[in-house]
């Protein structure tokens, strides 16, 4: 597909039930036995099928009375396609997991992007916040990487927010890289030092690139791409770096997505370095506001959440990531009590090591039940709102997509009610509950983005999915090269030294109760 080809369709979509979105009172707005007329990629009309279809016999028709229509899902925190587990990297605490990424085999950017995009679309995700892991090398390679990524999303038919993680310090540990390098054997130091140098790019140069990328793509795809900024984390960014990023965000009206307080060690870093929490530090720097989404937030205190709510920030909850890496459980119920909008992200992959948001939603619902008879827990509708409307806002598509109502983009997932309710579902069961708990990839019939059919009979149809998967398999099946083996050997030498470094700066020894992290000991 060329950039000049249309990405929206005009059609009529029939559904027995439409989950339109959450109302201000927290209930799900629904329509029954209706048609949705799509014009120019936008929902133009929802009403009785006969009325919607009147005078529109020329329009393509999809769906049936057996379909449940819901807004396309949003993966609000995503990095890359082929997962670390697939590449031989076992799960470990974040600080000892990320360094091993350097040994993973490089996959063609387009193929890698398409791989996870296939998984997302076929499980109902129509929009993604793509956070490139970080730029290195020459500026021309940055543009090639961004172009390949965005072209892949364009070809497959997804909406995407694009950003790249920005760091200017403490890449190896939570202390100066020079100190960590000094502890390493010479061979490993000589191996990794040039890699750190390659990623040491002046922040002004990155902001210049961000503006150029935005200018080159946004006018061509204003409905399908957003360009956001991603300061990697507080321990990875100096104050000067953060202030430059946020000034650029204000000037370009961009969303900012920042990893924050993912692990206990990150919380300790802020208190040890600044004498107060990471959230307090960002507030002091005037780096919090309605355009800011904080990813993870596992170790936020109640006082932190008060600040986040007061500043109008959103949170992105990455439930699978926190569990699989032992990072912790975000205090979602405390966030909801303060009215903080919460989006959902799958991060690198979910508990099934893929990008199925319908599975992630089930986990989120279950994880935040908490004990007690009278708890205010998120119901199915609340979780659906996190994965749709709230997610769209954090990516930069707020008010544009995320709900099914006239004036919104026609990003629509059709689930087959017969597959959800087989063999029989009581009429008393709320539809949103049945969709959350019994719906999933198996029940998805069709997916539309801007009214354009991108998934049919549960499979992506906009690209040759089998050819993509076959090419990836072909490229990854070859034995390790000598260089790849040498990289793994260097990582094996590096990790014990990093462990020593982290043990030195770990404030809590031994076992930590698996509760709500910073709130575990608070009333």
Protein backbone atom coordinates (compact mmCIF):
# COMPACT_ATOMS: atom_id res chain seq x y z
CA UNK A 1 0.00 0.00 0.00
CA UNK A 2 1.30 3.45 -0.85
CA UNK A 3 0.88 6.42 1.45
CA UNK A 4 -1.65 7.87 -0.96
CA UNK A 5 -4.12 5.02 -0.72
CA UNK A 6 -7.22 5.47 1.46
CA UNK A 7 -7.37 3.72 4.80
CA UNK A 8 -11.05 4.13 5.54
CA UNK A 9 -14.21 2.59 4.16
CA UNK A 10 -17.89 3.40 3.74
CA UNK A 11 -20.16 0.57 4.82
CA UNK A 12 -22.96 -0.59 7.09
CA UNK A 13 -22.20 -2.92 9.99
CA UNK A 14 -25.04 -4.84 11.63
CA UNK A 15 -24.94 -5.97 15.26
CA UNK A 16 -27.38 -7.49 17.73
CA UNK A 17 -25.70 -5.52 20.54
CA UNK A 18 -23.35 -2.54 20.46
CA UNK A 19 -21.19 -1.73 23.48
CA UNK A 20 -20.92 2.01 22.90
CA UNK A 21 -18.85 3.02 25.92
CA UNK A 22 -19.09 3.87 29.60
CA UNK A 23 -21.56 6.55 30.72
CA UNK A 24 -20.69 9.11 33.43
CA UNK A 25 -22.49 6.98 36.03
CA UNK A 26 -20.21 4.03 35.25
CA UNK A 27 -22.77 1.94 33.38
CA UNK A 28 -22.28 0.62 29.87
CA UNK A 29 -24.16 2.42 27.11
CA UNK A 30 -25.62 -0.15 24.71
CA UNK A 31 -27.72 -0.30 21.57
CA UNK A 32 -29.53 -3.41 20.35
CA UNK A 33 -30.49 -4.68 16.91
CA UNK A 34 -28.97 -1.79 15.00
CA UNK A 35 -26.80 -0.90 12.07
CA UNK A 36 -23.79 1.40 12.15
CA UNK A 37 -23.33 3.46 9.00
CA UNK A 38 -19.74 4.41 8.29
CA UNK A 39 -18.89 7.39 6.07
CA UNK A 40 -15.33 8.51 5.44
CA UNK A 41 -14.09 6.18 8.14
CA UNK A 42 -16.35 7.77 10.76
CA UNK A 43 -19.51 6.46 12.41
CA UNK A 44 -22.18 8.62 10.80
CA UNK A 45 -25.30 6.95 12.17
CA UNK A 46 -26.42 4.24 14.59
CA UNK A 47 -30.01 3.15 14.44
CA UNK A 48 -32.50 0.53 13.26
CA UNK A 49 -31.03 -1.33 10.30
CA UNK A 50 -33.91 -0.37 7.99
CA UNK A 51 -33.42 3.34 8.73
CA UNK A 52 -29.63 3.20 8.48
CA UNK A 53 -29.81 1.26 5.23
CA UNK A 54 -32.46 3.42 3.58
CA UNK A 55 -31.03 4.86 0.38
CA UNK A 56 -27.70 3.18 1.02
CA UNK A 57 -28.06 -0.03 -0.96
CA UNK A 58 -24.73 0.73 -2.63
CA UNK A 59 -22.79 0.35 0.63
CA UNK A 60 -21.03 -2.89 1.56
CA UNK A 61 -22.67 -4.68 4.46
CA UNK A 62 -21.06 -6.65 7.26
CA UNK A 63 -22.10 -8.28 10.50
CA UNK A 64 -25.35 -9.93 11.58
CA UNK A 65 -27.78 -10.01 14.51
CA UNK A 66 -25.45 -12.58 16.13
CA UNK A 67 -22.62 -10.07 16.45
CA UNK A 68 -21.61 -7.99 19.46
CA UNK A 69 -19.87 -4.79 18.38
CA UNK A 70 -17.37 -3.08 20.66
CA UNK A 71 -14.75 -0.36 20.23
CA UNK A 72 -11.35 -1.44 18.97
CA UNK A 73 -8.95 -2.13 21.83
CA UNK A 74 -5.85 -0.08 22.54
CA UNK A 75 -2.46 -1.44 23.60
CA UNK A 76 -1.11 1.64 25.31
CA UNK A 77 2.42 0.39 26.00
CA UNK A 78 4.25 -1.76 23.44
CA UNK A 79 7.91 -2.14 22.44
CA UNK A 80 8.70 -4.78 19.82
CA UNK A 81 7.50 -8.03 18.24
CA UNK A 82 9.58 -11.21 18.66
CA UNK A 83 9.57 -11.65 22.43
CA UNK A 84 12.66 -12.03 24.64
CA UNK A 85 11.46 -15.50 25.67
CA UNK A 86 11.40 -16.54 22.01
CA UNK A 87 14.96 -15.26 21.73
CA UNK A 88 16.32 -17.23 24.67
CA UNK A 89 16.07 -14.57 27.39
CA UNK A 90 14.49 -16.06 30.54
CA UNK A 91 12.32 -13.95 32.83
CA UNK A 92 14.19 -12.16 35.60
CA UNK A 93 13.81 -8.99 37.65
CA UNK A 94 13.82 -6.01 35.30
CA UNK A 95 17.30 -4.83 36.24
CA UNK A 96 18.81 -8.20 35.29
CA UNK A 97 16.45 -8.86 32.37
CA UNK A 98 17.03 -5.77 30.23
CA UNK A 99 20.83 -6.18 29.87
CA UNK A 100 20.26 -9.56 28.21
CA UNK A 101 18.35 -7.88 25.37
CA UNK A 102 21.72 -6.93 23.90
CA UNK A 103 22.24 -10.59 22.98
CA UNK A 104 18.97 -11.00 21.11
CA UNK A 105 19.19 -11.55 17.37
CA UNK A 106 18.24 -8.48 15.36
CA UNK A 107 15.03 -8.94 13.35
CA UNK A 108 14.06 -6.86 10.33
CA UNK A 109 12.08 -3.91 11.71
CA UNK A 110 9.19 -4.28 9.31
CA UNK A 111 8.78 -7.99 9.94
CA UNK A 112 9.12 -7.56 13.69
CA UNK A 113 6.46 -4.84 13.73
CA UNK A 114 4.09 -6.88 11.56
CA UNK A 115 4.48 -9.93 13.81
CA UNK A 116 3.09 -8.22 16.91
CA UNK A 117 0.61 -6.23 14.83
CA UNK A 118 -0.90 -9.49 13.56
CA UNK A 119 -1.31 -10.70 17.14
CA UNK A 120 -2.85 -7.41 18.19
CA UNK A 121 -5.33 -7.04 15.34
CA UNK A 122 -6.50 -10.65 15.50
CA UNK A 123 -7.30 -10.18 19.19
CA UNK A 124 -9.17 -6.92 18.59
CA UNK A 125 -6.49 -4.27 19.16
CA UNK A 126 -6.76 -1.52 16.57
CA UNK A 127 -4.48 1.13 18.12
CA UNK A 128 -1.03 0.85 19.69
CA UNK A 129 1.41 3.06 21.53
CA UNK A 130 4.68 1.90 19.96
CA UNK A 131 7.64 2.84 22.15
CA UNK A 132 10.86 2.18 20.30
CA UNK A 133 13.45 0.89 22.77
CA UNK A 134 15.92 3.66 21.90
CA UNK A 135 17.87 5.16 19.04
CA UNK A 136 21.57 4.67 18.40
CA UNK A 137 24.10 5.27 15.65
CA UNK A 138 23.67 7.71 12.77
CA UNK A 139 20.54 9.90 12.29
CA UNK A 140 19.79 8.33 8.90
CA UNK A 141 19.31 4.98 10.64
CA UNK A 142 16.82 6.55 13.05
CA UNK A 143 14.59 7.69 10.20
CA UNK A 144 14.88 4.33 8.45
CA UNK A 145 13.77 2.55 11.63
CA UNK A 146 10.84 4.89 12.23
CA UNK A 147 9.74 4.76 8.60
CA UNK A 148 9.84 0.95 8.52
CA UNK A 149 7.83 0.75 11.73
CA UNK A 150 5.18 3.22 10.65
CA UNK A 151 4.96 1.76 7.15
CA UNK A 152 4.29 -1.67 8.68
CA UNK A 153 1.41 -0.29 10.77
CA UNK A 154 0.13 1.59 7.72
CA UNK A 155 0.18 -1.53 5.57
CA UNK A 156 -1.56 -3.75 8.09
CA UNK A 157 -4.11 -1.05 8.91
CA UNK A 158 -3.52 -0.15 12.57
CA UNK A 159 -3.46 3.26 14.18
CA UNK A 160 -0.21 3.93 15.99
CA UNK A 161 1.39 6.41 18.30
CA UNK A 162 5.16 6.37 17.76
CA UNK A 163 7.81 7.37 20.26
CA UNK A 164 11.35 6.39 21.18
CA UNK A 165 12.80 5.98 24.65
CA UNK A 166 15.17 8.80 25.60
CA UNK A 167 18.01 8.35 28.09
CA UNK A 168 21.08 10.40 28.93
CA UNK A 169 22.52 8.66 32.00
CA UNK A 170 22.82 5.47 34.08
CA UNK A 171 22.22 3.02 31.25
CA UNK A 172 23.75 -0.04 32.93
CA UNK A 173 22.64 0.45 36.55
CA UNK A 174 21.22 3.15 38.80
CA UNK A 175 24.59 4.85 39.06
CA UNK A 176 27.00 6.51 36.65
CA UNK A 177 27.99 4.21 33.80
CA UNK A 178 31.66 5.02 34.34
CA UNK A 179 31.50 3.49 37.81
CA UNK A 180 29.85 0.33 36.54
CA UNK A 181 32.29 0.04 33.62
CA UNK A 182 35.25 0.33 35.98
CA UNK A 183 34.18 -2.88 37.75
CA UNK A 184 34.01 -4.97 34.58
CA UNK A 185 36.72 -7.23 33.12
CA UNK A 186 38.56 -5.47 30.31
CA UNK A 187 37.15 -7.66 27.54
CA UNK A 188 33.54 -7.05 28.56
CA UNK A 189 34.21 -3.37 29.17
CA UNK A 190 35.69 -3.03 25.68
CA UNK A 191 32.64 -4.82 24.27
CA UNK A 192 29.92 -2.76 25.90
CA UNK A 193 31.50 0.71 26.14
CA UNK A 194 31.15 1.44 22.40
CA UNK A 195 27.50 0.41 22.57
CA UNK A 196 26.90 2.90 25.37
CA UNK A 197 28.71 5.58 23.38
CA UNK A 198 26.53 4.89 20.31
CA UNK A 199 23.39 5.59 22.33
CA UNK A 200 24.81 8.72 23.95
CA UNK A 201 23.05 11.17 21.64
CA UNK A 202 22.61 14.86 22.51
CA UNK A 203 19.02 15.54 23.52
CA UNK A 204 18.85 18.52 21.16
CA UNK A 205 19.62 16.19 18.24
CA UNK A 206 16.84 13.80 19.29
CA UNK A 207 14.34 16.65 19.53
CA UNK A 208 15.36 17.84 16.06
CA UNK A 209 14.77 14.32 14.76
CA UNK A 210 11.41 14.10 16.53
CA UNK A 211 10.23 17.28 14.83
CA UNK A 212 11.46 16.11 11.42
CA UNK A 213 9.77 12.72 11.78
CA UNK A 214 6.53 14.32 12.88
CA UNK A 215 6.59 16.69 9.93
CA UNK A 216 7.32 13.94 7.40
CA UNK A 217 4.50 11.64 8.51
CA UNK A 218 1.75 13.52 10.23
CA UNK A 219 0.35 15.36 7.21
CA UNK A 220 0.28 12.10 5.20
CA UNK A 221 -1.58 10.13 7.88
CA UNK A 222 -3.27 12.57 10.28
CA UNK A 223 -5.97 10.03 11.16
CA UNK A 224 -3.67 7.09 11.72
CA UNK A 225 -0.44 8.26 13.37
CA UNK A 226 0.55 10.30 16.41
CA UNK A 227 4.05 11.29 17.48
CA UNK A 228 4.67 11.20 21.19
CA UNK A 229 7.67 11.63 23.47
CA UNK A 230 9.01 8.97 25.81
CA UNK A 231 11.53 9.96 28.47
CA UNK A 232 12.63 6.49 29.53
CA UNK A 233 12.51 6.84 33.32
CA UNK A 234 13.65 9.18 36.06
CA UNK A 235 16.90 7.35 36.77
CA UNK A 236 17.70 7.37 33.03
CA UNK A 237 17.08 11.09 32.46
CA UNK A 238 18.78 14.13 33.93
CA UNK A 239 16.64 17.09 34.93
CA UNK A 240 17.90 19.02 31.90
CA UNK A 241 16.92 16.15 29.61
CA UNK A 242 13.41 15.99 31.08
CA UNK A 243 12.85 19.72 30.85
CA UNK A 244 13.92 19.74 27.20
CA UNK A 245 11.55 16.86 26.38
CA UNK A 246 8.59 18.45 28.13
CA UNK A 247 9.24 21.82 26.52
CA UNK A 248 9.18 20.10 23.13
CA UNK A 249 5.93 18.37 24.09
CA UNK A 250 4.33 21.69 24.97
CA UNK A 251 5.48 23.29 21.73
CA UNK A 252 4.20 20.42 19.57
CA UNK A 253 1.09 19.54 21.60
CA UNK A 254 2.39 15.99 22.06
CA UNK A 255 1.54 13.28 24.51
CA UNK A 256 4.31 12.12 26.84
CA UNK A 257 4.57 8.49 27.95
CA UNK A 258 7.12 7.90 30.71
CA UNK A 259 8.04 4.69 32.52
CA UNK A 260 7.99 5.45 36.24
CA UNK A 261 8.24 3.53 39.51
CA UNK A 262 8.11 0.16 37.83
CA UNK A 263 10.32 -1.50 40.48
CA UNK A 264 11.15 -0.99 44.13
CA UNK A 265 14.72 -0.14 43.15
CA UNK A 266 13.44 2.77 41.06
CA UNK A 267 11.55 4.08 44.06
CA UNK A 268 14.69 3.84 46.20
CA UNK A 269 16.70 5.69 43.55
CA UNK A 270 14.43 8.73 43.73
CA UNK A 271 14.39 8.91 47.53
CA UNK A 272 18.17 8.38 47.78
CA UNK A 273 18.97 10.89 45.04
CA UNK A 274 16.44 13.65 45.63
CA UNK A 275 15.19 13.07 49.15
CA UNK A 276 11.62 12.61 47.96
CA UNK A 277 9.58 10.45 45.58
CA UNK A 278 9.90 10.29 41.80
CA UNK A 279 6.43 11.81 41.40
CA UNK A 280 7.31 14.71 43.72
CA UNK A 281 10.44 15.33 41.68
CA UNK A 282 8.54 15.43 38.39
CA UNK A 283 6.04 17.83 39.89
CA UNK A 284 8.86 20.12 41.05
CA UNK A 285 10.23 20.11 37.49
CA UNK A 286 6.73 20.95 36.13
CA UNK A 287 6.78 17.71 34.16
CA UNK A 288 3.27 16.52 35.04
CA UNK A 289 0.03 17.43 33.31
CA UNK A 290 -2.99 16.19 31.33
CA UNK A 291 -0.78 15.22 28.37
CA UNK A 292 1.34 12.90 30.53
CA UNK A 293 0.88 9.15 30.95
CA UNK A 294 2.98 7.36 33.54
CA UNK A 295 3.65 3.74 32.67
CA UNK A 296 3.63 1.04 35.36
CA UNK A 297 3.46 3.06 38.61
CA UNK A 298 3.74 -0.13 40.66
CA UNK A 299 5.51 1.61 43.54
CA UNK A 300 3.41 4.76 43.87
CA UNK A 301 2.29 5.76 47.33
CA UNK A 302 -1.03 7.33 48.19
CA UNK A 303 0.67 10.74 48.33
CA UNK A 304 2.09 10.13 44.85
CA UNK A 305 -1.35 9.27 43.52
CA UNK A 306 -2.81 12.43 45.02
CA UNK A 307 -0.28 14.43 43.01
CA UNK A 308 -0.93 12.44 39.83
CA UNK A 309 -4.67 13.02 40.17
CA UNK A 310 -4.25 16.72 40.94
CA UNK A 311 -2.05 17.20 37.85
CA UNK A 312 -4.54 15.41 35.58
CA UNK A 313 -2.13 12.69 34.46
CA UNK A 314 -3.16 9.26 33.17
CA UNK A 315 -1.67 5.92 34.21
CA UNK A 316 -0.87 2.92 32.03
CA UNK A 317 -1.25 -0.38 33.86
CA UNK A 318 0.96 -3.23 32.62
CA UNK A 319 -0.34 -6.11 34.70
CA UNK A 320 1.38 -9.07 33.03
CA UNK A 321 4.73 -7.30 33.01
CA UNK A 322 4.61 -6.52 36.71
CA UNK A 323 3.81 -10.11 37.58
CA UNK A 324 6.21 -11.88 35.24
CA UNK A 325 9.21 -9.73 36.16
CA UNK A 326 8.38 -9.60 39.85
CA UNK A 327 8.13 -5.81 39.64
CA UNK A 328 4.87 -5.57 41.58
CA UNK A 329 1.17 -4.86 41.29
CA UNK A 330 0.02 -1.34 40.49
CA UNK A 331 -2.50 0.08 43.01
CA UNK A 332 -5.26 0.35 40.42
CA UNK A 333 -8.12 0.59 42.90
CA UNK A 334 -6.42 3.51 44.65
CA UNK A 335 -5.99 5.17 41.25
CA UNK A 336 -9.66 4.69 40.45
CA UNK A 337 -10.73 6.18 43.80
CA UNK A 338 -8.94 9.36 42.78
CA UNK A 339 -10.49 9.45 39.32
CA UNK A 340 -7.18 8.88 37.53
CA UNK A 341 -7.78 7.60 33.96
CA UNK A 342 -6.14 4.18 33.58
CA UNK A 343 -5.09 2.69 30.25
CA UNK A 344 -3.87 -0.86 29.69
CA UNK A 345 -0.59 -1.92 28.15
CA UNK A 346 0.78 -5.35 27.36
CA UNK A 347 4.35 -4.02 27.53
CA UNK A 348 6.62 -6.62 25.98
CA UNK A 349 4.05 -9.45 26.09
CA UNK A 350 1.31 -10.81 28.32
CA UNK A 351 1.14 -13.89 30.55
CA UNK A 352 0.72 -16.06 27.43
CA UNK A 353 3.77 -14.35 25.84
CA UNK A 354 1.69 -12.77 23.09
CA UNK A 355 -0.27 -9.54 22.50
CA UNK A 356 -3.85 -10.67 23.19
CA UNK A 357 -5.50 -7.74 24.98
CA UNK A 358 -8.63 -9.76 25.72
CA UNK A 359 -6.48 -12.01 27.92
CA UNK A 360 -4.77 -9.04 29.57
CA UNK A 361 -8.18 -7.59 30.41
CA UNK A 362 -9.18 -10.79 32.20
CA UNK A 363 -6.00 -10.63 34.26
CA UNK A 364 -6.56 -6.99 35.18
CA UNK A 365 -10.12 -7.72 36.30
CA UNK A 366 -9.03 -10.64 38.49
CA UNK A 367 -5.88 -9.02 39.88
CA UNK A 368 -7.73 -6.10 41.44
CA UNK A 369 -10.58 -7.92 43.14
CA UNK A 370 -8.85 -7.63 46.54
CA UNK A 371 -10.32 -9.32 49.59
CA UNK A 372 -13.40 -8.08 51.40
CA UNK A 373 -17.14 -7.92 50.87
CA UNK A 374 -17.61 -4.27 50.02
CA UNK A 375 -14.61 -3.33 47.92
CA UNK A 376 -14.98 -0.91 45.04
CA UNK A 377 -13.57 -3.12 42.31
CA UNK A 378 -13.42 -2.50 38.55
CA UNK A 379 -16.26 -4.31 36.82
CA UNK A 380 -16.17 -5.52 33.22
CA UNK A 381 -17.26 -2.14 31.89
CA UNK A 382 -14.49 -0.33 33.74
CA UNK A 383 -11.87 -2.71 32.37
CA UNK A 384 -13.25 -2.29 28.84
CA UNK A 385 -13.01 1.48 29.24
CA UNK A 386 -9.36 1.14 30.27
CA UNK A 387 -8.66 -0.88 27.13
CA UNK A 388 -10.53 1.47 24.79
CA UNK A 389 -11.41 5.08 25.62
CA UNK A 390 -8.70 5.68 28.21
CA UNK A 391 -6.10 3.99 26.06
CA UNK A 392 -7.01 6.10 23.03
CA UNK A 393 -6.50 9.25 25.09
CA UNK A 394 -2.98 8.27 26.14
CA UNK A 395 -1.89 7.50 22.57
CA UNK A 396 -3.18 10.85 21.33
CA UNK A 397 -6.50 9.76 19.82
CA UNK A 398 -8.74 10.99 22.63
CA UNK A 399 -12.19 12.04 21.39
CA UNK A 400 -11.30 10.55 18.02
CA UNK A 401 -11.65 6.84 18.70
CA UNK A 402 -12.33 4.62 21.70
CA UNK A 403 -16.14 4.73 21.70
CA UNK A 404 -18.85 3.65 19.27
CA UNK A 405 -21.00 6.68 18.68
CA UNK A 406 -21.59 9.12 15.83
CA UNK A 407 -18.60 11.36 15.23
CA UNK A 408 -16.07 8.76 16.37
CA UNK A 409 -13.89 6.76 14.03
CA UNK A 410 -15.30 3.35 13.06
CA UNK A 411 -12.73 1.21 14.88
CA UNK A 412 -14.98 -1.76 15.55
CA UNK A 413 -14.53 -5.32 16.77
CA UNK A 414 -17.28 -7.85 16.01
CA UNK A 415 -17.45 -10.83 18.36
CA UNK A 416 -19.69 -13.77 17.57
CA UNK A 417 -22.22 -14.03 20.35
CA UNK A 418 -22.78 -17.71 19.60
CA UNK A 419 -19.14 -18.53 20.37
CA UNK A 420 -19.19 -16.45 23.55
CA UNK A 421 -22.45 -17.89 24.88
CA UNK A 422 -22.11 -21.51 23.78
CA UNK A 423 -24.02 -23.56 24.80
CA UNK A 424 -26.28 -21.02 26.51
CA UNK A 425 -26.00 -17.77 28.46
CA UNK A 426 -28.70 -16.45 30.77
CA UNK A 427 -30.41 -13.28 29.61
CA UNK A 428 -29.65 -11.94 33.09
CA UNK A 429 -25.90 -11.93 32.44
CA UNK A 430 -24.75 -8.42 31.43
CA UNK A 431 -23.32 -8.42 27.93
CA UNK A 432 -20.14 -6.62 29.01
CA UNK A 433 -19.49 -9.33 31.60
CA UNK A 434 -19.93 -12.13 29.08
CA UNK A 435 -17.65 -10.35 26.59
CA UNK A 436 -14.90 -9.85 29.17
CA UNK A 437 -15.01 -13.26 30.79
CA UNK A 438 -15.96 -15.51 27.87
CA UNK A 439 -14.98 -13.45 24.86
CA UNK A 440 -11.59 -13.53 23.25
CA UNK A 441 -9.64 -14.18 20.10
CA UNK A 442 -11.66 -17.32 19.40
CA UNK A 443 -14.86 -15.26 19.15
CA UNK A 444 -13.56 -12.39 17.01
CA UNK A 445 -15.13 -12.51 13.59
CA UNK A 446 -14.18 -9.19 12.00
CA UNK A 447 -12.20 -6.09 12.89
CA UNK A 448 -12.52 -2.67 11.22
CA UNK A 449 -10.24 0.37 11.45
CA UNK A 450 -11.88 3.49 10.11
CA UNK A 451 -14.53 1.28 8.55
CA UNK A 452 -11.93 -0.66 6.60
CA UNK A 453 -12.07 -4.43 7.08
CA UNK A 454 -8.65 -5.55 8.38
CA UNK A 455 -9.53 -8.88 10.01
CA UNK A 456 -12.00 -11.34 8.51
CA UNK A 457 -12.95 -14.70 10.01
CA UNK A 458 -10.40 -14.02 12.75
CA UNK A 459 -7.42 -13.52 10.39
CA UNK A 460 -5.61 -10.41 9.14
CA UNK A 461 -6.38 -9.83 5.45
CA UNK A 462 -4.48 -6.62 4.71
CA UNK A 463 -1.11 -8.36 4.33
CA UNK A 464 0.07 -11.87 3.53
CA UNK A 465 0.24 -12.99 7.17
CA UNK A 466 1.52 -16.48 6.38
CA UNK A 467 4.35 -15.09 4.26
CA UNK A 468 5.36 -12.74 7.10
CA UNK A 469 5.42 -15.55 9.66
CA UNK A 470 7.30 -17.85 7.30
CA UNK A 471 9.94 -15.23 6.58
CA UNK A 472 10.49 -14.55 10.26
CA UNK A 473 10.83 -18.28 10.95
CA UNK A 474 13.33 -18.63 8.11
CA UNK A 475 15.48 -15.79 9.41
CA UNK A 476 15.47 -17.00 13.01
CA UNK A 477 16.05 -20.71 12.40
CA UNK A 478 19.71 -20.36 11.45
CA UNK A 479 22.33 -21.36 14.05
CA UNK A 480 24.03 -18.64 16.03
CA UNK A 481 26.90 -16.89 14.32
CA UNK A 482 30.26 -16.63 16.03
CA UNK A 483 29.49 -13.03 16.81
CA UNK A 484 26.14 -13.90 18.41
CA UNK A 485 27.73 -16.60 20.54
CA UNK A 486 30.41 -14.16 21.64
CA UNK A 487 27.70 -11.67 22.64
CA UNK A 488 25.95 -14.25 24.80
CA UNK A 489 29.28 -15.09 26.43
CA UNK A 490 29.86 -11.41 27.16
CA UNK A 491 26.41 -11.14 28.73
CA UNK A 492 27.15 -14.19 30.90
CA UNK A 493 30.24 -12.41 32.20
CA UNK A 494 28.47 -9.06 32.58
CA UNK A 495 25.47 -10.21 34.63
CA UNK A 496 27.32 -11.31 37.82
CA UNK A 497 29.04 -7.92 37.97
CA UNK A 498 25.71 -6.12 37.57
CA UNK A 499 24.27 -8.29 40.33
CA UNK A 500 27.06 -7.18 42.66
CA UNK A 501 26.39 -3.56 41.75
CA UNK A 502 22.65 -3.90 42.41
CA UNK A 503 23.14 -5.74 45.70
CA UNK A 504 25.21 -2.82 46.91
CA UNK A 505 22.34 -0.42 46.31
CA UNK A 506 19.43 -2.65 47.34
CA UNK A 507 17.77 -1.23 50.42
CA UNK A 508 15.68 -4.24 51.43
CA UNK A 509 17.30 -7.60 52.03
CA UNK A 510 15.56 -10.91 51.59
CA UNK A 511 11.91 -11.65 50.91
CA UNK A 512 9.40 -8.90 50.24
CA UNK A 513 5.69 -9.64 50.82
CA UNK A 514 3.80 -9.63 47.54
CA UNK A 515 1.28 -6.94 48.32
CA UNK A 516 0.55 -3.54 46.94
CA UNK A 517 4.17 -2.50 47.09
CA UNK A 518 4.56 1.02 48.49
CA UNK A 519 1.20 0.65 50.27
CA UNK A 520 1.88 -2.73 51.86
CA UNK A 521 2.63 -1.29 55.28
CA UNK A 522 0.20 1.62 55.21
CA UNK A 523 -3.25 1.73 56.70
